[in-house]
Protein backbone atom coordinates (compact mmCIF):
# COMPACT_ATOMS: atom_id res chain seq x y z
CA UNK A 1 0.00 0.00 0.00
CA UNK A 2 1.35 3.40 -1.00
CA UNK A 3 0.45 6.50 1.02
CA UNK A 4 0.53 9.87 -0.67
CA UNK A 5 0.89 13.03 1.35
CA UNK A 6 -0.85 15.99 -0.27
CA UNK A 7 0.37 19.46 0.60
CA UNK A 8 -2.31 21.67 2.12
CA UNK A 9 -2.30 24.08 -0.81
CA UNK A 10 -3.13 21.24 -3.18
CA UNK A 11 -5.98 20.08 -0.95
CA UNK A 12 -7.28 23.65 -0.77
CA UNK A 13 -6.96 24.08 -4.54
CA UNK A 14 -8.85 20.86 -5.25
CA UNK A 15 -11.57 21.79 -2.76
CA UNK A 16 -12.04 25.24 -4.29
CA UNK A 17 -12.04 23.79 -7.82
CA UNK A 18 -14.73 21.30 -6.84
CA UNK A 19 -16.76 24.11 -5.28
CA UNK A 20 -16.57 26.27 -8.42
CA UNK A 21 -17.45 23.37 -10.73
CA UNK A 22 -20.42 22.47 -8.55
CA UNK A 23 -21.53 26.10 -8.49
CA UNK A 24 -21.22 26.37 -12.27
CA UNK A 25 -23.22 23.19 -12.82
CA UNK A 26 -25.93 24.41 -10.45
CA UNK A 27 -26.23 27.64 -12.44
CA UNK A 28 -26.47 25.85 -15.77
CA UNK A 29 -29.46 23.93 -14.50
CA UNK A 30 -31.42 27.13 -13.98
CA UNK A 31 -33.49 28.59 -16.77
CA UNK A 32 -32.84 32.05 -18.18
CA UNK A 33 -35.88 33.49 -16.40
CA UNK A 34 -34.77 32.03 -13.06
CA UNK A 35 -31.32 33.53 -13.55
CA UNK A 36 -32.89 36.91 -14.40
CA UNK A 37 -35.08 36.78 -11.29
CA UNK A 38 -32.05 35.97 -9.12
CA UNK A 39 -30.08 38.77 -10.75
CA UNK A 40 -32.89 41.29 -10.15
CA UNK A 41 -33.30 40.20 -6.52
CA UNK A 42 -29.56 40.54 -5.98
CA UNK A 43 -29.57 44.02 -7.50
CA UNK A 44 -32.44 45.08 -5.24
CA UNK A 45 -30.62 43.79 -2.16
CA UNK A 46 -27.45 45.57 -3.24
CA UNK A 47 -29.29 48.88 -3.70
CA UNK A 48 -30.92 48.46 -0.28
CA UNK A 49 -27.52 47.86 1.32
CA UNK A 50 -26.09 50.92 -0.47
CA UNK A 51 -28.95 53.12 0.81
CA UNK A 52 -28.47 51.83 4.36
CA UNK A 53 -24.73 52.45 4.12
CA UNK A 54 -25.37 56.02 2.96
CA UNK A 55 -27.75 56.64 5.87
CA UNK A 56 -25.28 55.20 8.36
CA UNK A 57 -22.43 57.32 6.97
CA UNK A 58 -24.57 60.49 7.17
CA UNK A 59 -25.52 59.66 10.75
CA UNK A 60 -21.89 59.05 11.68
CA UNK A 61 -20.83 62.32 10.02
CA UNK A 62 -23.44 64.22 12.07
CA UNK A 63 -22.28 62.56 15.28
CA UNK A 64 -18.66 63.33 14.45
CA UNK A 65 -19.47 66.98 13.74
CA UNK A 66 -21.39 67.25 17.03
CA UNK A 67 -18.48 65.69 18.91
CA UNK A 68 -15.94 68.01 17.30
CA UNK A 69 -18.12 71.05 18.02
CA UNK A 70 -18.55 69.98 21.66
CA UNK A 71 -14.81 69.44 22.18
CA UNK A 72 -13.98 72.76 20.49
CA UNK A 73 -16.52 74.60 22.67
CA UNK A 74 -15.20 72.97 25.85
CA UNK A 75 -11.63 73.87 24.90
CA UNK A 76 -12.67 77.43 24.05
CA UNK A 77 -14.51 77.79 27.36
CA UNK A 78 -11.52 76.44 29.25
CA UNK A 79 -9.05 78.73 27.50
CA UNK A 80 -11.28 81.73 28.26
CA UNK A 81 -11.57 80.76 31.92
CA UNK A 82 -9.71 82.38 34.78
CA UNK A 83 -8.08 79.05 35.66
CA UNK A 84 -6.39 78.84 32.25
CA UNK A 85 -5.21 82.44 32.48
CA UNK A 86 -3.66 81.84 35.89
CA UNK A 87 -2.14 78.50 34.97
CA UNK A 88 -0.65 79.36 31.59
CA UNK A 89 0.31 83.04 31.96
């Protein structure tokens, strides 16, 4: 009996190849209308994710601006205070 030792990269490559072939064969079994429906559903989900990402980014920008304004105001108030004048002059 002969034992062959496969390197991990070869095992990974064969596994990924099998996955892609299986995926390709599964897609060829679908009709053109089923593929179009899947494509349209995927596009809708992608647009929904993009809209949510835009809303999240706008919300984060507003929070960042509020935080920056608050820190700047606190620093301004401190620098105008008597304590800062005494300490740093």
